[in-house]
Every structure is written in C-alpha cells, then in structure tokens.
Amino acid sequence: MPMIDVYAAAGTFADTHRLAVDLAAAVMRVEQVPDIPMFRQNTAAFVHELPASSLANVDGDSSYVRVQVLTNAGALDRDKQLAVVEQLTGIISAAADDPGLADRTWVLLTEAPEGGWGLRGHANTNAELVALARAQIAGALYRDVGDGSRQRDPRRGNPPHLRNRSRSKTPALPALLSRFGHGC
C-alpha cells in the first residue's frame, strides 16, 4: 500500500490526476499484491506542483522531478526496487512528454518502520496488514445467501492458498493403503 509523492515545477505535467493513477497502479503491479480493495484504495500518489523558483540544483536548474515511494518494511526486494525506479521514471517522462526528463528524475525508495504503517487509525505491523488482506480475500470468496448464512461464491474461484496448486504425484490414499495390505 505504497504512498507516492511527486514534486515538480508547476506545469511539468498536463494531467496530474492521470499521472497519480498511473504511478499508483505501477507500484501496485510491481509489489504484486492482491487486487483487492484494501490495496487499491490505499495505494496512492500525490502530485505536488511547486513554483519553479522553489526548487533547484546547485546550478540553479529547476527542471527536476523528485519521486518518493514509501512502502511498508521489506515490501520491495532488489528486483522490485529496480522495477519501481525504472517504471516510475518512464511514467514521469511520458506524462511530461519529455524523454530527457528521465535523466532528471530522482526516485527515492523509503520504508516505514515495522509497526509504522497507519491505516484505519491503527499503527499496523506487517503481520497485521497481511491478516487484514487475508480477511478481505476470504470475505470476497463468500456471499450472503439470505438466511443470515454465507456460502462460498463459485464465481470467485479458489482462495489464494488453493490456487496454482499442482496435483500431487502421490497416489491416492486408497491406492497407497492397498499396497500395504489394507483394503479400502
């Protein structure tokens, strides 16, 4: 559930809202989190347009963009770090319609400390965030049936822990038992 902040001179981007959506979606894809409301509604980007006079490098150039991505601790391994920086830099330069901006875009990756991700008024640990996500995934797999009970919704597919599970190469239990003289 990253928070992404973009700082650039006003007028750098024609459509800041589209930029924010594209950046948030890219980081969510790279993180490979489940496509559930908890992550969709809490992965966000903020585009801060500043007067050109309020930012500069040592030479006085203000045509730079700073992107800061805040994730929970350990969310991005090295491959994901590389992917986030590459993809966000590409999105930034495309949104500015300036291929050269890729050379002037700084992407900073930072992590919230364990227990330092506030959501719903609570400072969550990674384990608590995982539990919230699992509960949401499990809830999405069931539907109310009208009598107050819930049934598994066959339209939703298998829960994540049952997906992509290869068939066991172990013979079925009756076949195993018959090999050892235990008839079934």
N, C-alpha and C. Protein backbone atom coordinates (compact mmCIF):
# COMPACT_ATOMS: atom_id res chain seq x y z
N MET A 1 0.83 -1.18 0.00
CA MET A 1 0.00 0.00 0.00
C MET A 1 0.88 1.24 0.00
N PRO A 2 1.69 1.37 -1.00
CA PRO A 2 2.62 2.49 -1.03
C PRO A 2 1.93 3.84 -1.13
N MET A 3 2.64 4.83 -0.62
CA MET A 3 2.29 6.23 -0.80
C MET A 3 3.39 6.81 -1.67
N ILE A 4 3.00 7.49 -2.73
CA ILE A 4 3.94 8.02 -3.70
C ILE A 4 3.75 9.53 -3.74
N ASP A 5 4.84 10.26 -3.56
CA ASP A 5 4.80 11.72 -3.65
C ASP A 5 5.70 12.16 -4.79
N VAL A 6 5.16 13.00 -5.66
CA VAL A 6 5.90 13.56 -6.79
C VAL A 6 6.00 15.06 -6.58
N TYR A 7 7.22 15.58 -6.68
CA TYR A 7 7.45 17.01 -6.55
C TYR A 7 8.05 17.51 -7.86
N ALA A 8 7.40 18.50 -8.48
CA ALA A 8 7.86 19.03 -9.76
C ALA A 8 7.41 20.47 -9.90
N ALA A 9 8.07 21.17 -10.79
CA ALA A 9 7.67 22.55 -11.08
C ALA A 9 6.27 22.53 -11.69
N ALA A 10 5.46 23.51 -11.31
CA ALA A 10 4.10 23.63 -11.85
C ALA A 10 4.16 23.65 -13.37
N GLY A 11 3.25 22.94 -13.99
CA GLY A 11 3.17 22.89 -15.44
C GLY A 11 3.99 21.79 -16.08
N THR A 12 4.72 21.01 -15.28
CA THR A 12 5.53 19.92 -15.83
C THR A 12 4.64 18.86 -16.47
N PHE A 13 3.48 18.61 -15.86
CA PHE A 13 2.58 17.55 -16.31
C PHE A 13 1.25 18.13 -16.76
N ALA A 14 0.76 17.65 -17.90
CA ALA A 14 -0.53 18.13 -18.42
C ALA A 14 -1.71 17.59 -17.60
N ASP A 15 -1.60 16.34 -17.13
CA ASP A 15 -2.72 15.70 -16.43
C ASP A 15 -2.19 15.05 -15.15
N THR A 16 -2.20 15.80 -14.06
CA THR A 16 -1.64 15.29 -12.81
C THR A 16 -2.47 14.14 -12.23
N HIS A 17 -3.77 14.16 -12.45
CA HIS A 17 -4.61 13.07 -11.93
C HIS A 17 -4.27 11.76 -12.63
N ARG A 18 -4.16 11.77 -13.94
CA ARG A 18 -3.78 10.56 -14.69
C ARG A 18 -2.41 10.08 -14.25
N LEU A 19 -1.49 11.01 -14.04
CA LEU A 19 -0.15 10.65 -13.56
C LEU A 19 -0.24 9.93 -12.22
N ALA A 20 -1.02 10.47 -11.30
CA ALA A 20 -1.17 9.85 -9.98
C ALA A 20 -1.72 8.44 -10.09
N VAL A 21 -2.74 8.25 -10.89
CA VAL A 21 -3.33 6.92 -11.08
C VAL A 21 -2.30 5.96 -11.68
N ASP A 22 -1.59 6.40 -12.70
CA ASP A 22 -0.61 5.54 -13.38
C ASP A 22 0.52 5.14 -12.44
N LEU A 23 1.01 6.06 -11.64
CA LEU A 23 2.08 5.75 -10.70
C LEU A 23 1.62 4.75 -9.64
N ALA A 24 0.43 4.97 -9.07
CA ALA A 24 -0.09 4.06 -8.05
C ALA A 24 -0.30 2.66 -8.62
N ALA A 25 -0.85 2.57 -9.82
CA ALA A 25 -1.09 1.26 -10.44
C ALA A 25 0.22 0.55 -10.72
N ALA A 26 1.23 1.29 -11.17
CA ALA A 26 2.52 0.67 -11.48
C ALA A 26 3.16 0.08 -10.23
N VAL A 27 3.15 0.83 -9.14
CA VAL A 27 3.77 0.31 -7.92
C VAL A 27 2.99 -0.89 -7.39
N MET A 28 1.68 -0.85 -7.48
CA MET A 28 0.88 -1.99 -7.03
C MET A 28 1.21 -3.24 -7.85
N ARG A 29 1.39 -3.07 -9.17
CA ARG A 29 1.75 -4.21 -10.02
C ARG A 29 3.13 -4.76 -9.65
N VAL A 30 4.08 -3.87 -9.46
CA VAL A 30 5.44 -4.31 -9.12
C VAL A 30 5.45 -5.03 -7.77
N GLU A 31 4.73 -4.49 -6.80
CA GLU A 31 4.68 -5.12 -5.48
C GLU A 31 4.04 -6.50 -5.54
N GLN A 32 3.19 -6.72 -6.53
CA GLN A 32 2.48 -7.99 -6.73
C GLN A 32 1.56 -8.32 -5.55
N VAL A 33 0.88 -7.29 -5.07
CA VAL A 33 -0.10 -7.51 -4.01
C VAL A 33 -1.43 -7.94 -4.64
N PRO A 34 -2.29 -8.59 -3.89
CA PRO A 34 -3.59 -8.98 -4.43
C PRO A 34 -4.40 -7.76 -4.87
N ASP A 35 -5.18 -7.93 -5.92
CA ASP A 35 -6.02 -6.86 -6.44
C ASP A 35 -7.32 -6.83 -5.64
N ILE A 36 -7.22 -6.30 -4.43
CA ILE A 36 -8.37 -6.23 -3.52
C ILE A 36 -8.55 -4.77 -3.10
N PRO A 37 -9.75 -4.40 -2.64
CA PRO A 37 -10.00 -3.01 -2.25
C PRO A 37 -8.99 -2.46 -1.24
N MET A 38 -8.56 -3.27 -0.29
CA MET A 38 -7.62 -2.78 0.71
C MET A 38 -6.38 -2.18 0.06
N PHE A 39 -5.85 -2.83 -0.96
CA PHE A 39 -4.66 -2.32 -1.63
C PHE A 39 -5.00 -1.26 -2.67
N ARG A 40 -6.11 -1.45 -3.40
CA ARG A 40 -6.50 -0.48 -4.43
C ARG A 40 -6.84 0.89 -3.81
N GLN A 41 -7.47 0.87 -2.66
CA GLN A 41 -7.91 2.11 -2.03
C GLN A 41 -6.83 2.76 -1.17
N ASN A 42 -5.75 2.05 -0.90
CA ASN A 42 -4.71 2.57 -0.03
C ASN A 42 -3.34 2.63 -0.69
N THR A 43 -3.29 2.48 -1.99
CA THR A 43 -2.07 2.73 -2.76
C THR A 43 -2.37 4.01 -3.52
N ALA A 44 -1.64 5.07 -3.21
CA ALA A 44 -2.00 6.37 -3.76
C ALA A 44 -0.76 7.19 -4.11
N ALA A 45 -0.96 8.10 -5.04
CA ALA A 45 0.09 9.04 -5.42
C ALA A 45 -0.42 10.46 -5.26
N PHE A 46 0.48 11.34 -4.89
CA PHE A 46 0.18 12.75 -4.68
C PHE A 46 1.15 13.55 -5.52
N VAL A 47 0.64 14.39 -6.40
CA VAL A 47 1.49 15.21 -7.25
C VAL A 47 1.50 16.63 -6.68
N HIS A 48 2.68 17.06 -6.27
CA HIS A 48 2.87 18.38 -5.67
C HIS A 48 3.51 19.29 -6.71
N GLU A 49 2.74 20.26 -7.19
CA GLU A 49 3.28 21.22 -8.15
C GLU A 49 3.80 22.43 -7.38
N LEU A 50 5.07 22.73 -7.61
CA LEU A 50 5.73 23.80 -6.89
C LEU A 50 6.09 24.93 -7.84
N PRO A 51 6.16 26.15 -7.35
CA PRO A 51 6.66 27.23 -8.21
C PRO A 51 8.10 26.87 -8.63
N ALA A 52 8.44 27.10 -9.87
CA ALA A 52 9.78 26.76 -10.36
C ALA A 52 10.86 27.41 -9.50
N SER A 53 10.56 28.54 -8.92
CA SER A 53 11.55 29.24 -8.09
C SER A 53 11.80 28.54 -6.75
N SER A 54 10.99 27.52 -6.41
CA SER A 54 11.13 26.88 -5.11
C SER A 54 11.97 25.61 -5.14
N LEU A 55 12.51 25.25 -6.31
CA LEU A 55 13.39 24.08 -6.37
C LEU A 55 14.52 24.36 -7.36
N ALA A 56 15.68 23.80 -7.04
CA ALA A 56 16.85 23.99 -7.91
C ALA A 56 17.96 23.05 -7.51
N ASN A 57 18.80 22.73 -8.49
CA ASN A 57 20.04 22.04 -8.16
C ASN A 57 21.11 23.09 -7.93
N VAL A 58 22.36 22.69 -7.76
CA VAL A 58 23.44 23.64 -7.47
C VAL A 58 23.60 24.66 -8.59
N ASP A 59 23.33 24.25 -9.83
CA ASP A 59 23.47 25.16 -10.97
C ASP A 59 22.25 26.06 -11.17
N GLY A 60 21.22 25.87 -10.36
CA GLY A 60 20.02 26.70 -10.48
C GLY A 60 18.95 26.12 -11.39
N ASP A 61 19.17 24.91 -11.93
CA ASP A 61 18.19 24.28 -12.83
C ASP A 61 17.01 23.77 -12.00
N SER A 62 15.80 24.08 -12.42
CA SER A 62 14.61 23.65 -11.68
C SER A 62 13.77 22.65 -12.48
N SER A 63 14.38 22.01 -13.48
CA SER A 63 13.61 21.08 -14.33
C SER A 63 13.75 19.63 -13.85
N TYR A 64 13.85 19.45 -12.56
CA TYR A 64 13.98 18.12 -11.98
C TYR A 64 12.65 17.66 -11.38
N VAL A 65 12.52 16.35 -11.24
CA VAL A 65 11.35 15.77 -10.59
C VAL A 65 11.86 14.84 -9.49
N ARG A 66 11.26 14.96 -8.33
CA ARG A 66 11.58 14.07 -7.20
C ARG A 66 10.37 13.22 -6.92
N VAL A 67 10.59 11.91 -6.88
CA VAL A 67 9.52 10.94 -6.58
C VAL A 67 9.95 10.19 -5.33
N GLN A 68 9.09 10.18 -4.33
CA GLN A 68 9.37 9.42 -3.12
C GLN A 68 8.30 8.36 -2.96
N VAL A 69 8.74 7.12 -2.82
CA VAL A 69 7.84 5.98 -2.67
C VAL A 69 8.03 5.43 -1.26
N LEU A 70 6.98 5.47 -0.48
CA LEU A 70 7.00 4.94 0.88
C LEU A 70 6.24 3.63 0.91
N THR A 71 6.93 2.57 1.34
CA THR A 71 6.29 1.25 1.44
C THR A 71 6.43 0.74 2.87
N ASN A 72 5.72 -0.32 3.17
CA ASN A 72 5.94 -0.97 4.46
C ASN A 72 7.28 -1.71 4.40
N ALA A 73 7.83 -2.01 5.55
CA ALA A 73 9.16 -2.61 5.64
C ALA A 73 9.23 -3.92 4.85
N GLY A 74 10.25 -4.03 4.00
CA GLY A 74 10.50 -5.27 3.27
C GLY A 74 9.62 -5.52 2.07
N ALA A 75 8.81 -4.55 1.67
CA ALA A 75 7.87 -4.77 0.57
C ALA A 75 8.57 -4.94 -0.78
N LEU A 76 9.72 -4.30 -0.95
CA LEU A 76 10.40 -4.33 -2.24
C LEU A 76 11.77 -5.01 -2.11
N ASP A 77 11.90 -6.19 -2.71
CA ASP A 77 13.22 -6.80 -2.78
C ASP A 77 14.02 -6.07 -3.87
N ARG A 78 15.25 -6.46 -4.12
CA ARG A 78 16.10 -5.72 -5.05
C ARG A 78 15.50 -5.66 -6.45
N ASP A 79 14.96 -6.77 -6.95
CA ASP A 79 14.35 -6.77 -8.29
C ASP A 79 13.17 -5.79 -8.36
N LYS A 80 12.37 -5.75 -7.30
CA LYS A 80 11.23 -4.84 -7.27
C LYS A 80 11.68 -3.39 -7.15
N GLN A 81 12.76 -3.15 -6.41
CA GLN A 81 13.30 -1.79 -6.32
C GLN A 81 13.70 -1.30 -7.72
N LEU A 82 14.42 -2.14 -8.44
CA LEU A 82 14.86 -1.76 -9.79
C LEU A 82 13.66 -1.52 -10.70
N ALA A 83 12.67 -2.38 -10.60
CA ALA A 83 11.48 -2.25 -11.45
C ALA A 83 10.70 -0.98 -11.13
N VAL A 84 10.53 -0.66 -9.85
CA VAL A 84 9.80 0.54 -9.46
C VAL A 84 10.50 1.79 -9.99
N VAL A 85 11.80 1.87 -9.80
CA VAL A 85 12.53 3.06 -10.25
C VAL A 85 12.44 3.19 -11.77
N GLU A 86 12.64 2.10 -12.48
CA GLU A 86 12.58 2.16 -13.96
C GLU A 86 11.19 2.54 -14.45
N GLN A 87 10.16 1.88 -13.92
CA GLN A 87 8.80 2.14 -14.40
C GLN A 87 8.32 3.55 -14.03
N LEU A 88 8.58 3.99 -12.81
CA LEU A 88 8.12 5.31 -12.42
C LEU A 88 8.84 6.41 -13.20
N THR A 89 10.12 6.21 -13.45
CA THR A 89 10.87 7.18 -14.25
C THR A 89 10.27 7.27 -15.65
N GLY A 90 9.93 6.14 -16.24
CA GLY A 90 9.30 6.13 -17.57
C GLY A 90 7.94 6.81 -17.57
N ILE A 91 7.14 6.56 -16.54
CA ILE A 91 5.81 7.18 -16.44
C ILE A 91 5.95 8.69 -16.29
N ILE A 92 6.89 9.12 -15.47
CA ILE A 92 7.12 10.56 -15.26
C ILE A 92 7.49 11.25 -16.57
N SER A 93 8.48 10.70 -17.29
CA SER A 93 8.92 11.35 -18.53
C SER A 93 7.84 11.33 -19.59
N ALA A 94 7.05 10.24 -19.65
CA ALA A 94 5.94 10.18 -20.61
C ALA A 94 4.85 11.20 -20.26
N ALA A 95 4.53 11.33 -18.97
CA ALA A 95 3.49 12.28 -18.55
C ALA A 95 3.90 13.72 -18.81
N ALA A 96 5.20 13.98 -18.82
CA ALA A 96 5.69 15.33 -19.10
C ALA A 96 5.95 15.54 -20.59
N ASP A 97 5.79 14.47 -21.36
CA ASP A 97 6.09 14.50 -22.80
C ASP A 97 7.51 15.03 -23.03
N ASP A 98 8.44 14.50 -22.19
CA ASP A 98 9.83 14.94 -22.22
C ASP A 98 10.73 13.74 -21.94
N PRO A 99 11.18 13.03 -23.00
CA PRO A 99 12.05 11.86 -22.78
C PRO A 99 13.31 12.19 -21.98
N GLY A 100 13.82 13.41 -22.12
CA GLY A 100 15.01 13.81 -21.39
C GLY A 100 14.80 13.94 -19.90
N LEU A 101 13.54 14.02 -19.47
CA LEU A 101 13.25 14.14 -18.05
C LEU A 101 13.66 12.89 -17.28
N ALA A 102 13.79 11.78 -17.97
CA ALA A 102 14.24 10.55 -17.31
C ALA A 102 15.61 10.76 -16.65
N ASP A 103 16.46 11.59 -17.27
CA ASP A 103 17.78 11.87 -16.72
C ASP A 103 17.72 12.85 -15.56
N ARG A 104 16.57 13.48 -15.35
CA ARG A 104 16.42 14.49 -14.30
C ARG A 104 15.33 14.10 -13.29
N THR A 105 15.06 12.80 -13.22
CA THR A 105 14.05 12.30 -12.28
C THR A 105 14.75 11.49 -11.19
N TRP A 106 14.53 11.89 -9.96
CA TRP A 106 15.09 11.17 -8.82
C TRP A 106 13.97 10.37 -8.16
N VAL A 107 14.18 9.09 -7.97
CA VAL A 107 13.20 8.23 -7.30
C VAL A 107 13.84 7.73 -6.01
N LEU A 108 13.23 8.07 -4.90
CA LEU A 108 13.73 7.68 -3.58
C LEU A 108 12.79 6.62 -2.99
N LEU A 109 13.35 5.50 -2.61
CA LEU A 109 12.56 4.42 -2.02
C LEU A 109 12.80 4.43 -0.50
N THR A 110 11.73 4.55 0.24
CA THR A 110 11.83 4.57 1.70
C THR A 110 10.84 3.57 2.28
N GLU A 111 11.15 3.11 3.49
CA GLU A 111 10.28 2.14 4.17
C GLU A 111 9.81 2.68 5.50
N ALA A 112 8.55 2.45 5.78
CA ALA A 112 8.02 2.76 7.11
C ALA A 112 8.57 1.69 8.06
N PRO A 113 8.91 2.06 9.27
CA PRO A 113 9.42 1.05 10.21
C PRO A 113 8.31 0.06 10.57
N GLU A 114 8.70 -1.10 11.02
CA GLU A 114 7.75 -2.12 11.46
C GLU A 114 6.82 -1.49 12.49
N GLY A 115 5.54 -1.60 12.26
CA GLY A 115 4.55 -1.02 13.16
C GLY A 115 4.25 0.44 12.84
N GLY A 116 4.84 0.95 11.77
CA GLY A 116 4.67 2.36 11.45
C GLY A 116 3.82 2.63 10.23
N TRP A 117 2.91 1.72 9.90
CA TRP A 117 2.01 1.94 8.76
C TRP A 117 0.62 2.16 9.30
N GLY A 118 0.21 3.43 9.35
CA GLY A 118 -1.09 3.76 9.92
C GLY A 118 -2.21 3.55 8.91
N LEU A 119 -3.19 2.80 9.29
CA LEU A 119 -4.36 2.53 8.45
C LEU A 119 -5.55 2.34 9.37
N ARG A 120 -6.64 3.04 9.06
CA ARG A 120 -7.87 2.94 9.86
C ARG A 120 -7.63 3.32 11.32
N GLY A 121 -6.72 4.30 11.55
CA GLY A 121 -6.47 4.78 12.89
C GLY A 121 -5.61 3.88 13.75
N HIS A 122 -4.90 2.92 13.13
CA HIS A 122 -4.07 1.99 13.88
C HIS A 122 -2.70 1.88 13.22
N ALA A 123 -1.64 1.90 14.02
CA ALA A 123 -0.28 1.71 13.51
C ALA A 123 -0.05 0.21 13.35
N ASN A 124 -0.10 -0.27 12.09
CA ASN A 124 -0.07 -1.70 11.81
C ASN A 124 1.34 -2.24 11.64
N THR A 125 1.54 -3.47 12.12
CA THR A 125 2.75 -4.22 11.79
C THR A 125 2.50 -4.89 10.44
N ASN A 126 3.55 -5.43 9.84
CA ASN A 126 3.37 -6.15 8.58
C ASN A 126 2.42 -7.33 8.78
N ALA A 127 2.56 -8.04 9.89
CA ALA A 127 1.70 -9.20 10.14
C ALA A 127 0.23 -8.77 10.23
N GLU A 128 -0.03 -7.63 10.84
CA GLU A 128 -1.41 -7.14 10.93
C GLU A 128 -1.96 -6.77 9.55
N LEU A 129 -1.11 -6.18 8.70
CA LEU A 129 -1.56 -5.84 7.34
C LEU A 129 -1.85 -7.11 6.54
N VAL A 130 -1.01 -8.11 6.69
CA VAL A 130 -1.24 -9.39 6.00
C VAL A 130 -2.55 -10.01 6.48
N ALA A 131 -2.80 -9.97 7.78
CA ALA A 131 -4.05 -10.53 8.32
C ALA A 131 -5.26 -9.79 7.78
N LEU A 132 -5.18 -8.45 7.68
CA LEU A 132 -6.28 -7.68 7.12
C LEU A 132 -6.54 -8.07 5.65
N ALA A 133 -5.47 -8.22 4.89
CA ALA A 133 -5.61 -8.60 3.48
C ALA A 133 -6.21 -9.99 3.36
N ARG A 134 -5.73 -10.93 4.15
CA ARG A 134 -6.27 -12.30 4.10
C ARG A 134 -7.75 -12.32 4.45
N ALA A 135 -8.13 -11.55 5.45
CA ALA A 135 -9.54 -11.49 5.84
C ALA A 135 -10.38 -10.92 4.70
N GLN A 136 -9.85 -9.90 4.02
CA GLN A 136 -10.61 -9.32 2.91
C GLN A 136 -10.72 -10.31 1.74
N ILE A 137 -9.65 -11.02 1.47
CA ILE A 137 -9.69 -12.02 0.40
C ILE A 137 -10.68 -13.12 0.74
N ALA A 138 -10.63 -13.60 1.97
CA ALA A 138 -11.56 -14.66 2.39
C ALA A 138 -13.00 -14.17 2.33
N GLY A 139 -13.25 -12.94 2.75
CA GLY A 139 -14.60 -12.39 2.70
C GLY A 139 -15.12 -12.25 1.29
N ALA A 140 -14.24 -11.97 0.35
CA ALA A 140 -14.65 -11.80 -1.04
C ALA A 140 -15.03 -13.12 -1.69
N LEU A 141 -14.64 -14.21 -1.08
CA LEU A 141 -14.92 -15.52 -1.67
C LEU A 141 -16.28 -16.07 -1.25
N TYR A 142 -16.95 -15.36 -0.37
CA TYR A 142 -18.23 -15.83 0.14
C TYR A 142 -19.31 -14.79 -0.14
N ARG A 143 -20.56 -15.24 -0.14
CA ARG A 143 -21.67 -14.33 -0.36
C ARG A 143 -22.78 -14.66 0.63
N ASP A 144 -23.56 -13.65 0.96
CA ASP A 144 -24.71 -13.85 1.83
C ASP A 144 -25.77 -14.59 1.03
N VAL A 145 -26.42 -15.56 1.66
CA VAL A 145 -27.45 -16.34 0.97
C VAL A 145 -28.86 -15.99 1.40
N GLY A 146 -29.03 -15.01 2.24
CA GLY A 146 -30.38 -14.53 2.56
C GLY A 146 -30.90 -15.00 3.89
N ASP A 147 -30.43 -16.11 4.41
CA ASP A 147 -30.92 -16.60 5.69
C ASP A 147 -29.94 -16.26 6.82
N GLY A 148 -29.05 -15.31 6.53
CA GLY A 148 -28.07 -14.91 7.54
C GLY A 148 -26.77 -15.68 7.44
N SER A 149 -26.75 -16.72 6.62
CA SER A 149 -25.52 -17.50 6.48
C SER A 149 -24.76 -17.07 5.22
N ARG A 150 -23.56 -17.58 5.09
CA ARG A 150 -22.73 -17.26 3.92
C ARG A 150 -22.30 -18.56 3.25
N GLN A 151 -22.24 -18.52 1.94
CA GLN A 151 -21.78 -19.67 1.17
C GLN A 151 -20.63 -19.24 0.28
N ARG A 152 -19.81 -20.21 -0.06
CA ARG A 152 -18.73 -19.95 -0.99
C ARG A 152 -19.34 -19.55 -2.33
N ASP A 153 -18.85 -18.47 -2.93
CA ASP A 153 -19.35 -17.98 -4.21
C ASP A 153 -18.54 -18.63 -5.32
N PRO A 154 -19.14 -19.55 -6.08
CA PRO A 154 -18.38 -20.27 -7.11
C PRO A 154 -17.86 -19.36 -8.21
N ARG A 155 -18.42 -18.17 -8.35
CA ARG A 155 -17.95 -17.25 -9.38
C ARG A 155 -16.60 -16.63 -9.02
N ARG A 156 -16.19 -16.75 -7.79
CA ARG A 156 -14.96 -16.10 -7.32
C ARG A 156 -13.72 -16.96 -7.46
N GLY A 157 -13.85 -18.21 -7.85
CA GLY A 157 -12.66 -19.06 -7.98
C GLY A 157 -12.17 -19.55 -6.64
N ASN A 158 -11.00 -20.14 -6.66
CA ASN A 158 -10.42 -20.68 -5.43
C ASN A 158 -9.74 -19.59 -4.62
N PRO A 159 -9.71 -19.77 -3.31
CA PRO A 159 -8.96 -18.83 -2.49
C PRO A 159 -7.47 -18.91 -2.85
N PRO A 160 -6.70 -17.87 -2.56
CA PRO A 160 -5.30 -17.82 -2.97
C PRO A 160 -4.48 -19.03 -2.52
N HIS A 161 -4.75 -19.56 -1.32
CA HIS A 161 -3.95 -20.67 -0.85
C HIS A 161 -4.24 -21.97 -1.60
N LEU A 162 -5.30 -22.00 -2.41
CA LEU A 162 -5.61 -23.19 -3.19
C LEU A 162 -5.33 -23.01 -4.68
N ARG A 163 -4.97 -21.80 -5.09
CA ARG A 163 -4.71 -21.53 -6.50
C ARG A 163 -3.36 -22.07 -6.92
N ASN A 164 -3.26 -22.43 -8.18
CA ASN A 164 -2.00 -22.86 -8.78
C ASN A 164 -1.35 -24.00 -8.02
N ARG A 165 -2.15 -24.80 -7.39
CA ARG A 165 -1.61 -25.93 -6.65
C ARG A 165 -1.52 -27.10 -7.62
N SER A 166 -0.34 -27.61 -7.79
CA SER A 166 -0.18 -28.73 -8.73
C SER A 166 -0.72 -29.99 -8.09
N ARG A 167 -1.14 -30.90 -8.93
CA ARG A 167 -1.64 -32.17 -8.45
C ARG A 167 -0.51 -32.96 -7.80
N SER A 168 -0.81 -33.58 -6.72
CA SER A 168 0.20 -34.36 -6.01
C SER A 168 0.59 -35.56 -6.86
N LYS A 169 1.88 -35.89 -6.84
CA LYS A 169 2.36 -37.06 -7.54
C LYS A 169 2.20 -38.30 -6.67
N THR A 170 1.72 -38.10 -5.45
CA THR A 170 1.50 -39.20 -4.53
C THR A 170 0.19 -39.88 -4.90
N PRO A 171 0.20 -41.24 -5.01
CA PRO A 171 -1.06 -41.93 -5.32
C PRO A 171 -2.11 -41.64 -4.26
N ALA A 172 -3.35 -41.75 -4.65
CA ALA A 172 -4.45 -41.53 -3.72
C ALA A 172 -4.33 -42.48 -2.54
N LEU A 173 -4.89 -42.06 -1.41
CA LEU A 173 -4.80 -42.84 -0.19
C LEU A 173 -5.26 -44.28 -0.37
N PRO A 174 -6.39 -44.57 -1.03
CA PRO A 174 -6.78 -45.98 -1.18
C PRO A 174 -5.72 -46.79 -1.92
N ALA A 175 -5.09 -46.23 -2.93
CA ALA A 175 -4.05 -46.95 -3.67
C ALA A 175 -2.84 -47.21 -2.78
N LEU A 176 -2.47 -46.25 -1.97
CA LEU A 176 -1.34 -46.45 -1.05
C LEU A 176 -1.66 -47.53 -0.04
N LEU A 177 -2.85 -47.47 0.54
CA LEU A 177 -3.22 -48.46 1.56
C LEU A 177 -3.28 -49.85 0.98
N SER A 178 -3.72 -50.00 -0.26
CA SER A 178 -3.81 -51.34 -0.85
C SER A 178 -2.43 -51.92 -1.07
N ARG A 179 -1.42 -51.13 -1.28
CA ARG A 179 -0.05 -51.63 -1.44
C ARG A 179 0.44 -52.27 -0.17
N PHE A 180 -0.08 -51.83 0.96
CA PHE A 180 0.40 -52.35 2.25
C PHE A 180 -0.60 -53.32 2.85
N GLY A 181 -1.51 -53.82 2.05
CA GLY A 181 -2.43 -54.85 2.51
C GLY A 181 -3.62 -54.34 3.30
N HIS A 182 -3.88 -53.06 3.24
CA HIS A 182 -5.04 -52.51 3.94
C HIS A 182 -6.10 -52.21 2.89
N GLY A 183 -7.04 -53.06 2.70
CA GLY A 183 -8.08 -52.85 1.71
C GLY A 183 -8.99 -51.69 2.07
N CYS A 184 -9.52 -51.08 1.07
CA CYS A 184 -10.45 -49.98 1.29
C CYS A 184 -11.77 -50.36 0.70
